[in-house]
Amino acid sequence: MMHHCCGMKDRLMTNRDHDQQGRIACLYLNARSIVNKFDHFEAYVYDINPDIIGVTESWTGCHVSDMELALNGYDLFRQDKPIDRDGGGVLLYVRSTLNAVQYTLAT
């Protein structure tokens, strides 16, 4: 089951609100494995239409392709779970029109 952070469902904005007021609607989800519930997740996302989606505990690894996780209209950024761990992994979806880029800090 997926939940809105802080009961945001009633306050999420449409694209029109985003364009006119400059606000960003966000969704956070602790998935505990996104692959086996991706169809439900996808329908949920298209229903509430957030600009940014953060997914923790995705449990994705190299065996899951980007195409399996793709959402139309969103750019995907991912950090898979470590191979030697049962849990972990994060996904970040950003509405494509926001033109997000990945930045890697130099160490």
PDB file of N, CA and C in Angstrom:
ATOM      1  N   MET A   1       0.839  -1.173   0.000  1.00  0.00           N
ATOM      2  CA  MET A   1       0.000   0.000   0.000  1.00  0.00           C
ATOM      3  C   MET A   1       0.887   1.240   0.000  1.00  0.00           C
ATOM      4  N   MET A   2       0.540   2.233  -0.766  1.00  0.00           N
ATOM      5  CA  MET A   2       1.303   3.465  -0.853  1.00  0.00           C
ATOM      6  C   MET A   2       0.569   4.580  -0.128  1.00  0.00           C
ATOM      7  N   HIS A   3       1.336   5.426   0.533  1.00  0.00           N
ATOM      8  CA  HIS A   3       0.748   6.511   1.318  1.00  0.00           C
ATOM      9  C   HIS A   3       1.380   7.834   0.924  1.00  0.00           C
ATOM     10  N   HIS A   4       0.612   8.883   1.048  1.00  0.00           N
ATOM     11  CA  HIS A   4       1.135  10.238   0.858  1.00  0.00           C
ATOM     12  C   HIS A   4       1.850  10.634   2.131  1.00  0.00           C
ATOM     13  N   CYS A   5       2.954  11.291   1.992  1.00  0.00           N
ATOM     14  CA  CYS A   5       3.644  11.843   3.143  1.00  0.00           C
ATOM     15  C   CYS A   5       2.807  12.991   3.705  1.00  0.00           C
ATOM     16  N   CYS A   6       2.579  12.980   4.977  1.00  0.00           N
ATOM     17  CA  CYS A   6       1.855  14.059   5.667  1.00  0.00           C
ATOM     18  C   CYS A   6       0.450  14.281   5.125  1.00  0.00           C
ATOM     19  N   GLY A   7      -0.207  13.268   4.603  1.00  0.00           N
ATOM     20  CA  GLY A   7      -1.580  13.402   4.129  1.00  0.00           C
ATOM     21  C   GLY A   7      -1.737  14.412   3.012  1.00  0.00           C
ATOM     22  N   MET A   8      -0.803  14.448   2.081  1.00  0.00           N
ATOM     23  CA  MET A   8      -0.780  15.473   1.050  1.00  0.00           C
ATOM     24  C   MET A   8      -1.791  15.247  -0.077  1.00  0.00           C
ATOM     25  N   LYS A   9      -2.510  14.141  -0.101  1.00  0.00           N
ATOM     26  CA  LYS A   9      -3.360  13.841  -1.256  1.00  0.00           C
ATOM     27  C   LYS A   9      -4.315  14.978  -1.585  1.00  0.00           C
ATOM     28  N   ASP A  10      -4.937  15.541  -0.593  1.00  0.00           N
ATOM     29  CA  ASP A  10      -5.912  16.589  -0.842  1.00  0.00           C
ATOM     30  C   ASP A  10      -5.275  17.921  -1.238  1.00  0.00           C
ATOM     31  N   ARG A  11      -3.984  18.050  -1.030  1.00  0.00           N
ATOM     32  CA  ARG A  11      -3.331  19.325  -1.309  1.00  0.00           C
ATOM     33  C   ARG A  11      -2.418  19.287  -2.528  1.00  0.00           C
ATOM     34  N   LEU A  12      -2.291  18.138  -3.182  1.00  0.00           N
ATOM     35  CA  LEU A  12      -1.433  18.075  -4.355  1.00  0.00           C
ATOM     36  C   LEU A  12      -2.003  18.950  -5.461  1.00  0.00           C
ATOM     37  N   MET A  13      -1.118  19.553  -6.221  1.00  0.00           N
ATOM     38  CA  MET A  13      -1.534  20.507  -7.233  1.00  0.00           C
ATOM     39  C   MET A  13      -1.530  19.872  -8.608  1.00  0.00           C
ATOM     40  N   THR A  14      -2.289  20.412  -9.499  1.00  0.00           N
ATOM     41  CA  THR A  14      -2.280  19.974 -10.890  1.00  0.00           C
ATOM     42  C   THR A  14      -1.132  20.664 -11.611  1.00  0.00           C
ATOM     43  N   ASN A  15      -0.848  20.246 -12.836  1.00  0.00           N
ATOM     44  CA  ASN A  15       0.180  20.916 -13.627  1.00  0.00           C
ATOM     45  C   ASN A  15      -0.124  22.396 -13.797  1.00  0.00           C
ATOM     46  N   ARG A  16      -1.399  22.728 -13.937  1.00  0.00           N
ATOM     47  CA  ARG A  16      -1.785  24.123 -14.098  1.00  0.00           C
ATOM     48  C   ARG A  16      -1.373  24.935 -12.869  1.00  0.00           C
ATOM     49  N   ASP A  17      -1.593  24.380 -11.667  1.00  0.00           N
ATOM     50  CA  ASP A  17      -1.175  25.066 -10.446  1.00  0.00           C
ATOM     51  C   ASP A  17       0.336  25.237 -10.426  1.00  0.00           C
ATOM     52  N   HIS A  18       1.056  24.197 -10.843  1.00  0.00           N
ATOM     53  CA  HIS A  18       2.520  24.265 -10.861  1.00  0.00           C
ATOM     54  C   HIS A  18       2.975  25.395 -11.774  1.00  0.00           C
ATOM     55  N   ASP A  19       2.414  25.473 -12.968  1.00  0.00           N
ATOM     56  CA  ASP A  19       2.820  26.478 -13.934  1.00  0.00           C
ATOM     57  C   ASP A  19       2.490  27.891 -13.466  1.00  0.00           C
ATOM     58  N   GLN A  20       1.335  28.070 -12.870  1.00  0.00           N
ATOM     59  CA  GLN A  20       0.910  29.410 -12.498  1.00  0.00           C
ATOM     60  C   GLN A  20       1.490  29.876 -11.168  1.00  0.00           C
ATOM     61  N   GLN A  21       1.711  28.968 -10.247  1.00  0.00           N
ATOM     62  CA  GLN A  21       2.131  29.378  -8.920  1.00  0.00           C
ATOM     63  C   GLN A  21       3.569  28.996  -8.603  1.00  0.00           C
ATOM     64  N   GLY A  22       4.225  28.240  -9.464  1.00  0.00           N
ATOM     65  CA  GLY A  22       5.623  27.890  -9.251  1.00  0.00           C
ATOM     66  C   GLY A  22       5.858  26.884  -8.135  1.00  0.00           C
ATOM     67  N   ARG A  23       4.829  26.171  -7.713  1.00  0.00           N
ATOM     68  CA  ARG A  23       4.977  25.179  -6.651  1.00  0.00           C
ATOM     69  C   ARG A  23       5.266  23.811  -7.249  1.00  0.00           C
ATOM     70  N   ILE A  24       5.928  22.995  -6.466  1.00  0.00           N
ATOM     71  CA  ILE A  24       6.276  21.638  -6.868  1.00  0.00           C
ATOM     72  C   ILE A  24       5.530  20.659  -5.963  1.00  0.00           C
ATOM     73  N   ALA A  25       4.840  19.688  -6.566  1.00  0.00           N
ATOM     74  CA  ALA A  25       4.148  18.642  -5.798  1.00  0.00           C
ATOM     75  C   ALA A  25       5.053  17.423  -5.721  1.00  0.00           C
ATOM     76  N   CYS A  26       5.236  16.900  -4.507  1.00  0.00           N
ATOM     77  CA  CYS A  26       6.144  15.777  -4.288  1.00  0.00           C
ATOM     78  C   CYS A  26       5.410  14.595  -3.663  1.00  0.00           C
ATOM     79  N   LEU A  27       5.923  13.408  -3.949  1.00  0.00           N
ATOM     80  CA  LEU A  27       5.393  12.173  -3.384  1.00  0.00           C
ATOM     81  C   LEU A  27       6.559  11.357  -2.865  1.00  0.00           C
ATOM     82  N   TYR A  28       6.439  10.832  -1.669  1.00  0.00           N
ATOM     83  CA  TYR A  28       7.440   9.948  -1.082  1.00  0.00           C
ATOM     84  C   TYR A  28       6.798   8.600  -0.820  1.00  0.00           C
ATOM     85  N   LEU A  29       7.559   7.530  -1.063  1.00  0.00           N
ATOM     86  CA  LEU A  29       7.053   6.178  -0.891  1.00  0.00           C
ATOM     87  C   LEU A  29       8.149   5.256  -0.395  1.00  0.00           C
ATOM     88  N   ASN A  30       7.874   4.498   0.668  1.00  0.00           N
ATOM     89  CA  ASN A  30       8.741   3.403   1.094  1.00  0.00           C
ATOM     90  C   ASN A  30       8.119   2.147   0.494  1.00  0.00           C
ATOM     91  N   ALA A  31       8.717   1.641  -0.583  1.00  0.00           N
ATOM     92  CA  ALA A  31       8.074   0.621  -1.405  1.00  0.00           C
ATOM     93  C   ALA A  31       8.204  -0.807  -0.884  1.00  0.00           C
ATOM     94  N   ARG A  32       9.301  -1.123  -0.226  1.00  0.00           N
ATOM     95  CA  ARG A  32       9.570  -2.512   0.159  1.00  0.00           C
ATOM     96  C   ARG A  32       9.403  -3.434  -1.049  1.00  0.00           C
ATOM     97  N   SER A  33      10.085  -3.106  -2.105  1.00  0.00           N
ATOM     98  CA  SER A  33      10.121  -3.792  -3.399  1.00  0.00           C
ATOM     99  C   SER A  33       9.102  -3.190  -4.349  1.00  0.00           C
ATOM    100  N   ILE A  34       9.590  -2.395  -5.267  1.00  0.00           N
ATOM    101  CA  ILE A  34       8.710  -1.695  -6.209  1.00  0.00           C
ATOM    102  C   ILE A  34       8.338  -2.563  -7.406  1.00  0.00           C
ATOM    103  N   VAL A  35       9.183  -3.493  -7.781  1.00  0.00           N
ATOM    104  CA  VAL A  35       8.976  -4.255  -9.015  1.00  0.00           C
ATOM    105  C   VAL A  35       7.670  -5.037  -8.981  1.00  0.00           C
ATOM    106  N   ASN A  36       7.380  -5.671  -7.865  1.00  0.00           N
ATOM    107  CA  ASN A  36       6.173  -6.514  -7.799  1.00  0.00           C
ATOM    108  C   ASN A  36       4.880  -5.723  -7.659  1.00  0.00           C
ATOM    109  N   LYS A  37       4.976  -4.413  -7.512  1.00  0.00           N
ATOM    110  CA  LYS A  37       3.770  -3.583  -7.414  1.00  0.00           C
ATOM    111  C   LYS A  37       3.844  -2.371  -8.333  1.00  0.00           C
ATOM    112  N   PHE A  38       4.662  -2.489  -9.382  1.00  0.00           N
ATOM    113  CA  PHE A  38       4.899  -1.336 -10.247  1.00  0.00           C
ATOM    114  C   PHE A  38       3.634  -0.868 -10.965  1.00  0.00           C
ATOM    115  N   ASP A  39       2.801  -1.786 -11.414  1.00  0.00           N
ATOM    116  CA  ASP A  39       1.565  -1.386 -12.115  1.00  0.00           C
ATOM    117  C   ASP A  39       0.674  -0.528 -11.223  1.00  0.00           C
ATOM    118  N   HIS A  40       0.535  -0.919  -9.964  1.00  0.00           N
ATOM    119  CA  HIS A  40      -0.262  -0.149  -9.008  1.00  0.00           C
ATOM    120  C   HIS A  40       0.385   1.214  -8.754  1.00  0.00           C
ATOM    121  N   PHE A  41       1.703   1.218  -8.583  1.00  0.00           N
ATOM    122  CA  PHE A  41       2.461   2.448  -8.377  1.00  0.00           C
ATOM    123  C   PHE A  41       2.278   3.406  -9.555  1.00  0.00           C
ATOM    124  N   GLU A  42       2.392   2.881 -10.765  1.00  0.00           N
ATOM    125  CA  GLU A  42       2.261   3.697 -11.966  1.00  0.00           C
ATOM    126  C   GLU A  42       0.871   4.334 -12.057  1.00  0.00           C
ATOM    127  N   ALA A  43      -0.160   3.559 -11.805  1.00  0.00           N
ATOM    128  CA  ALA A  43      -1.528   4.096 -11.834  1.00  0.00           C
ATOM    129  C   ALA A  43      -1.711   5.178 -10.770  1.00  0.00           C
ATOM    130  N   TYR A  44      -1.159   4.952  -9.599  1.00  0.00           N
ATOM    131  CA  TYR A  44      -1.238   5.909  -8.499  1.00  0.00           C
ATOM    132  C   TYR A  44      -0.564   7.226  -8.876  1.00  0.00           C
ATOM    133  N   VAL A  45       0.620   7.123  -9.468  1.00  0.00           N
ATOM    134  CA  VAL A  45       1.361   8.316  -9.876  1.00  0.00           C
ATOM    135  C   VAL A  45       0.574   9.108 -10.910  1.00  0.00           C
ATOM    136  N   TYR A  46       0.039   8.443 -11.902  1.00  0.00           N
ATOM    137  CA  TYR A  46      -0.702   9.162 -12.944  1.00  0.00           C
ATOM    138  C   TYR A  46      -2.007   9.736 -12.412  1.00  0.00           C
ATOM    139  N   ASP A  47      -2.531   9.159 -11.350  1.00  0.00           N
ATOM    140  CA  ASP A  47      -3.747   9.686 -10.732  1.00  0.00           C
ATOM    141  C   ASP A  47      -3.479  10.975  -9.976  1.00  0.00           C
ATOM    142  N   ILE A  48      -2.396  11.020  -9.193  1.00  0.00           N
ATOM    143  CA  ILE A  48      -2.135  12.220  -8.384  1.00  0.00           C
ATOM    144  C   ILE A  48      -1.192  13.213  -9.052  1.00  0.00           C
ATOM    145  N   ASN A  49      -0.423  12.757 -10.065  1.00  0.00           N
ATOM    146  CA  ASN A  49       0.352  13.643 -10.917  1.00  0.00           C
ATOM    147  C   ASN A  49       1.389  14.513 -10.192  1.00  0.00           C
ATOM    148  N   PRO A  50       2.257  13.932  -9.365  1.00  0.00           N
ATOM    149  CA  PRO A  50       3.273  14.747  -8.691  1.00  0.00           C
ATOM    150  C   PRO A  50       4.394  15.148  -9.642  1.00  0.00           C
ATOM    151  N   ASP A  51       5.162  16.158  -9.262  1.00  0.00           N
ATOM    152  CA  ASP A  51       6.306  16.604 -10.055  1.00  0.00           C
ATOM    153  C   ASP A  51       7.562  15.797  -9.734  1.00  0.00           C
ATOM    154  N   ILE A  52       7.716  15.443  -8.474  1.00  0.00           N
ATOM    155  CA  ILE A  52       8.888  14.702  -8.014  1.00  0.00           C
ATOM    156  C   ILE A  52       8.418  13.536  -7.154  1.00  0.00           C
ATOM    157  N   ILE A  53       9.025  12.365  -7.374  1.00  0.00           N
ATOM    158  CA  ILE A  53       8.664  11.164  -6.619  1.00  0.00           C
ATOM    159  C   ILE A  53       9.935  10.547  -6.056  1.00  0.00           C
ATOM    160  N   GLY A  54       9.970  10.367  -4.756  1.00  0.00           N
ATOM    161  CA  GLY A  54      11.082   9.681  -4.107  1.00  0.00           C
ATOM    162  C   GLY A  54      10.620   8.321  -3.609  1.00  0.00           C
ATOM    163  N   VAL A  55      11.349   7.275  -3.970  1.00  0.00           N
ATOM    164  CA  VAL A  55      11.015   5.917  -3.557  1.00  0.00           C
ATOM    165  C   VAL A  55      12.204   5.332  -2.801  1.00  0.00           C
ATOM    166  N   THR A  56      11.996   4.968  -1.552  1.00  0.00           N
ATOM    167  CA  THR A  56      13.026   4.276  -0.783  1.00  0.00           C
ATOM    168  C   THR A  56      12.688   2.793  -0.703  1.00  0.00           C
ATOM    169  N   GLU A  57      13.683   2.010  -0.329  1.00  0.00           N
ATOM    170  CA  GLU A  57      13.516   0.552  -0.244  1.00  0.00           C
ATOM    171  C   GLU A  57      12.934  -0.009  -1.544  1.00  0.00           C
ATOM    172  N   SER A  58      13.521   0.409  -2.661  1.00  0.00           N
ATOM    173  CA  SER A  58      13.066  -0.075  -3.969  1.00  0.00           C
ATOM    174  C   SER A  58      13.422  -1.546  -4.171  1.00  0.00           C
ATOM    175  N   TRP A  59      14.471  -1.982  -3.530  1.00  0.00           N
ATOM    176  CA  TRP A  59      14.995  -3.351  -3.635  1.00  0.00           C
ATOM    177  C   TRP A  59      15.386  -3.689  -5.066  1.00  0.00           C
ATOM    178  N   THR A  60      15.718  -2.687  -5.851  1.00  0.00           N
ATOM    179  CA  THR A  60      16.155  -2.933  -7.220  1.00  0.00           C
ATOM    180  C   THR A  60      17.651  -3.193  -7.255  1.00  0.00           C
ATOM    181  N   GLY A  61      18.061  -3.971  -8.227  1.00  0.00           N
ATOM    182  CA  GLY A  61      19.463  -4.282  -8.449  1.00  0.00           C
ATOM    183  C   GLY A  61      19.746  -4.290  -9.934  1.00  0.00           C
ATOM    184  N   CYS A  62      20.921  -4.765 -10.301  1.00  0.00           N
ATOM    185  CA  CYS A  62      21.315  -4.767 -11.715  1.00  0.00           C
ATOM    186  C   CYS A  62      20.421  -5.676 -12.560  1.00  0.00           C
ATOM    187  N   HIS A  63      19.676  -6.551 -11.936  1.00  0.00           N
ATOM    188  CA  HIS A  63      18.764  -7.438 -12.658  1.00  0.00           C
ATOM    189  C   HIS A  63      17.483  -6.726 -13.122  1.00  0.00           C
ATOM    190  N   VAL A  64      17.276  -5.488 -12.680  1.00  0.00           N
ATOM    191  CA  VAL A  64      16.090  -4.703 -13.055  1.00  0.00           C
ATOM    192  C   VAL A  64      16.537  -3.575 -13.982  1.00  0.00           C
ATOM    193  N   SER A  65      15.990  -3.556 -15.187  1.00  0.00           N
ATOM    194  CA  SER A  65      16.389  -2.529 -16.164  1.00  0.00           C
ATOM    195  C   SER A  65      15.659  -1.206 -15.911  1.00  0.00           C
ATOM    196  N   ASP A  66      16.221  -0.141 -16.435  1.00  0.00           N
ATOM    197  CA  ASP A  66      15.562   1.166 -16.355  1.00  0.00           C
ATOM    198  C   ASP A  66      14.200   1.136 -17.036  1.00  0.00           C
ATOM    199  N   MET A  67      14.081   0.362 -18.113  1.00  0.00           N
ATOM    200  CA  MET A  67      12.805   0.274 -18.837  1.00  0.00           C
ATOM    201  C   MET A  67      11.702  -0.320 -17.958  1.00  0.00           C
ATOM    202  N   GLU A  68      12.051  -1.242 -17.073  1.00  0.00           N
ATOM    203  CA  GLU A  68      11.061  -1.837 -16.176  1.00  0.00           C
ATOM    204  C   GLU A  68      10.554  -0.833 -15.151  1.00  0.00           C
ATOM    205  N   LEU A  69      11.335   0.212 -14.899  1.00  0.00           N
ATOM    206  CA  LEU A  69      11.000   1.205 -13.883  1.00  0.00           C
ATOM    207  C   LEU A  69      10.541   2.535 -14.485  1.00  0.00           C
ATOM    208  N   ALA A  70      10.519   2.628 -15.795  1.00  0.00           N
ATOM    209  CA  ALA A  70      10.225   3.894 -16.467  1.00  0.00           C
ATOM    210  C   ALA A  70       8.779   4.336 -16.249  1.00  0.00           C
ATOM    211  N   LEU A  71       8.620   5.633 -16.055  1.00  0.00           N
ATOM    212  CA  LEU A  71       7.308   6.278 -15.995  1.00  0.00           C
ATOM    213  C   LEU A  71       7.275   7.328 -17.100  1.00  0.00           C
ATOM    214  N   ASN A  72       6.289   7.252 -17.962  1.00  0.00           N
ATOM    215  CA  ASN A  72       6.167   8.203 -19.053  1.00  0.00           C
ATOM    216  C   ASN A  72       6.059   9.625 -18.496  1.00  0.00           C
ATOM    217  N   GLY A  73       6.901  10.527 -18.999  1.00  0.00           N
ATOM    218  CA  GLY A  73       6.867  11.921 -18.558  1.00  0.00           C
ATOM    219  C   GLY A  73       7.804  12.226 -17.404  1.00  0.00           C
ATOM    220  N   TYR A  74       8.579  11.231 -16.948  1.00  0.00           N
ATOM    221  CA  TYR A  74       9.497  11.416 -15.822  1.00  0.00           C
ATOM    222  C   TYR A  74      10.896  10.931 -16.186  1.00  0.00           C
ATOM    223  N   ASP A  75      11.905  11.622 -15.661  1.00  0.00           N
ATOM    224  CA  ASP A  75      13.285  11.156 -15.740  1.00  0.00           C
ATOM    225  C   ASP A  75      13.560  10.352 -14.473  1.00  0.00           C
ATOM    226  N   LEU A  76      14.264   9.242 -14.626  1.00  0.00           N
ATOM    227  CA  LEU A  76      14.561   8.344 -13.509  1.00  0.00           C
ATOM    228  C   LEU A  76      16.017   8.469 -13.108  1.00  0.00           C
ATOM    229  N   PHE A  77      16.241   8.636 -11.813  1.00  0.00           N
ATOM    230  CA  PHE A  77      17.569   8.580 -11.217  1.00  0.00           C
ATOM    231  C   PHE A  77      17.499   7.460 -10.182  1.00  0.00           C
ATOM    232  N   ARG A  78      18.503   6.576 -10.164  1.00  0.00           N
ATOM    233  CA  ARG A  78      18.405   5.429  -9.269  1.00  0.00           C
ATOM    234  C   ARG A  78      19.741   5.099  -8.633  1.00  0.00           C
ATOM    235  N   GLN A  79      19.658   4.557  -7.444  1.00  0.00           N
ATOM    236  CA  GLN A  79      20.808   3.997  -6.737  1.00  0.00           C
ATOM    237  C   GLN A  79      20.338   2.654  -6.216  1.00  0.00           C
ATOM    238  N   ASP A  80      20.804   1.578  -6.835  1.00  0.00           N
ATOM    239  CA  ASP A  80      20.348   0.246  -6.476  1.00  0.00           C
ATOM    240  C   ASP A  80      20.880  -0.188  -5.123  1.00  0.00           C
ATOM    241  N   LYS A  81      20.220  -1.200  -4.573  1.00  0.00           N
ATOM    242  CA  LYS A  81      20.621  -1.737  -3.281  1.00  0.00           C
ATOM    243  C   LYS A  81      21.974  -2.435  -3.426  1.00  0.00           C
ATOM    244  N   PRO A  82      22.757  -2.462  -2.355  1.00  0.00           N
ATOM    245  CA  PRO A  82      24.017  -3.212  -2.402  1.00  0.00           C
ATOM    246  C   PRO A  82      23.740  -4.702  -2.630  1.00  0.00           C
ATOM    247  N   ILE A  83      24.609  -5.364  -3.343  1.00  0.00           N
ATOM    248  CA  ILE A  83      24.425  -6.781  -3.677  1.00  0.00           C
ATOM    249  C   ILE A  83      24.353  -7.651  -2.427  1.00  0.00           C
ATOM    250  N   ASP A  84      25.093  -7.304  -1.409  1.00  0.00           N
ATOM    251  CA  ASP A  84      25.166  -8.140  -0.200  1.00  0.00           C
ATOM    252  C   ASP A  84      24.122  -7.793   0.855  1.00  0.00           C
ATOM    253  N   ARG A  85      23.103  -7.038   0.495  1.00  0.00           N
ATOM    254  CA  ARG A  85      22.062  -6.662   1.455  1.00  0.00           C
ATOM    255  C   ARG A  85      20.694  -7.050   0.933  1.00  0.00           C
ATOM    256  N   ASP A  86      19.787  -7.317   1.859  1.00  0.00           N
ATOM    257  CA  ASP A  86      18.416  -7.645   1.474  1.00  0.00           C
ATOM    258  C   ASP A  86      17.612  -6.411   1.079  1.00  0.00           C
ATOM    259  N   GLY A  87      17.756  -5.335   1.806  1.00  0.00           N
ATOM    260  CA  GLY A  87      16.971  -4.131   1.550  1.00  0.00           C
ATOM    261  C   GLY A  87      17.817  -3.041   0.933  1.00  0.00           C
ATOM    262  N   GLY A  88      17.185  -1.898   0.739  1.00  0.00           N
ATOM    263  CA  GLY A  88      17.896  -0.731   0.224  1.00  0.00           C
ATOM    264  C   GLY A  88      17.453  -0.359  -1.171  1.00  0.00           C
ATOM    265  N   GLY A  89      18.127   0.604  -1.711  1.00  0.00           N
ATOM    266  CA  GLY A  89      17.838   1.112  -3.041  1.00  0.00           C
ATOM    267  C   GLY A  89      16.890   2.297  -2.998  1.00  0.00           C
ATOM    268  N   VAL A  90      17.183   3.289  -3.818  1.00  0.00           N
ATOM    269  CA  VAL A  90      16.317   4.464  -3.923  1.00  0.00           C
ATOM    270  C   VAL A  90      16.098   4.815  -5.388  1.00  0.00           C
ATOM    271  N   LEU A  91      14.938   5.351  -5.661  1.00  0.00           N
ATOM    272  CA  LEU A  91      14.584   5.838  -6.987  1.00  0.00           C
ATOM    273  C   LEU A  91      14.114   7.274  -6.839  1.00  0.00           C
ATOM    274  N   LEU A  92      14.456   8.096  -7.779  1.00  0.00           N
ATOM    275  CA  LEU A  92      13.970   9.467  -7.812  1.00  0.00           C
ATOM    276  C   LEU A  92      13.438   9.729  -9.214  1.00  0.00           C
ATOM    277  N   TYR A  93      12.177  10.081  -9.287  1.00  0.00           N
ATOM    278  CA  TYR A  93      11.543  10.430 -10.555  1.00  0.00           C
ATOM    279  C   TYR A  93      11.303  11.936 -10.547  1.00  0.00           C
ATOM    280  N   VAL A  94      11.687  12.592 -11.633  1.00  0.00           N
ATOM    281  CA  VAL A  94      11.491  14.034 -11.758  1.00  0.00           C
ATOM    282  C   VAL A  94      10.777  14.293 -13.080  1.00  0.00           C
ATOM    283  N   ARG A  95       9.711  15.056 -13.013  1.00  0.00           N
ATOM    284  CA  ARG A  95       8.959  15.380 -14.229  1.00  0.00           C
ATOM    285  C   ARG A  95       9.942  15.885 -15.287  1.00  0.00           C
ATOM    286  N   SER A  96       9.862  15.334 -16.469  1.00  0.00           N
ATOM    287  CA  SER A  96      10.815  15.637 -17.548  1.00  0.00           C
ATOM    288  C   SER A  96      10.887  17.128 -17.870  1.00  0.00           C
ATOM    289  N   THR A  97       9.788  17.834 -17.749  1.00  0.00           N
ATOM    290  CA  THR A  97       9.777  19.265 -18.072  1.00  0.00           C
ATOM    291  C   THR A  97      10.583  20.092 -17.067  1.00  0.00           C
ATOM    292  N   LEU A  98      10.974  19.515 -15.947  1.00  0.00           N
ATOM    293  CA  LEU A  98      11.788  20.233 -14.962  1.00  0.00           C
ATOM    294  C   LEU A  98      13.274  20.185 -15.315  1.00  0.00           C
ATOM    295  N   ASN A  99      13.633  19.356 -16.305  1.00  0.00           N
ATOM    296  CA  ASN A  99      15.010  19.290 -16.819  1.00  0.00           C
ATOM    297  C   ASN A  99      16.051  19.018 -15.738  1.00  0.00           C
ATOM    298  N   ALA A 100      15.819  18.019 -14.902  1.00  0.00           N
ATOM    299  CA  ALA A 100      16.757  17.651 -13.842  1.00  0.00           C
ATOM    300  C   ALA A 100      17.998  16.994 -14.441  1.00  0.00           C
ATOM    301  N   VAL A 101      19.131  17.191 -13.798  1.00  0.00           N
ATOM    302  CA  VAL A 101      20.372  16.543 -14.205  1.00  0.00           C
ATOM    303  C   VAL A 101      21.026  15.915 -12.981  1.00  0.00           C
ATOM    304  N   GLN A 102      21.745  14.850 -13.213  1.00  0.00           N
ATOM    305  CA  GLN A 102      22.462  14.190 -12.117  1.00  0.00           C
ATOM    306  C   GLN A 102      23.809  14.860 -11.952  1.00  0.00           C
ATOM    307  N   TYR A 103      24.150  15.167 -10.725  1.00  0.00           N
ATOM    308  CA  TYR A 103      25.413  15.808 -10.410  1.00  0.00           C
ATOM    309  C   TYR A 103      26.161  14.906  -9.444  1.00  0.00           C
ATOM    310  N   THR A 104      27.384  14.550  -9.783  1.00  0.00           N
ATOM    311  CA  THR A 104      28.200  13.703  -8.926  1.00  0.00           C
ATOM    312  C   THR A 104      29.286  14.554  -8.286  1.00  0.00           C
ATOM    313  N   LEU A 105      29.343  14.510  -6.967  1.00  0.00           N
ATOM    314  CA  LEU A 105      30.358  15.270  -6.239  1.00  0.00           C
ATOM    315  C   LEU A 105      31.729  14.615  -6.406  1.00  0.00           C
ATOM    316  N   ALA A 106      32.724  15.415  -6.595  1.00  0.00           N
ATOM    317  CA  ALA A 106      34.093  14.899  -6.678  1.00  0.00           C
ATOM    318  C   ALA A 106      34.557  14.529  -5.276  1.00  0.00           C
ATOM    319  N   THR A 107      35.215  13.395  -5.165  1.00  0.00           N
ATOM    320  CA  THR A 107      35.707  12.977  -3.832  1.00  0.00           C
ATOM    321  C   THR A 107      37.191  13.086  -3.714  1.00  0.00           C
TER     322      THR A 107
END
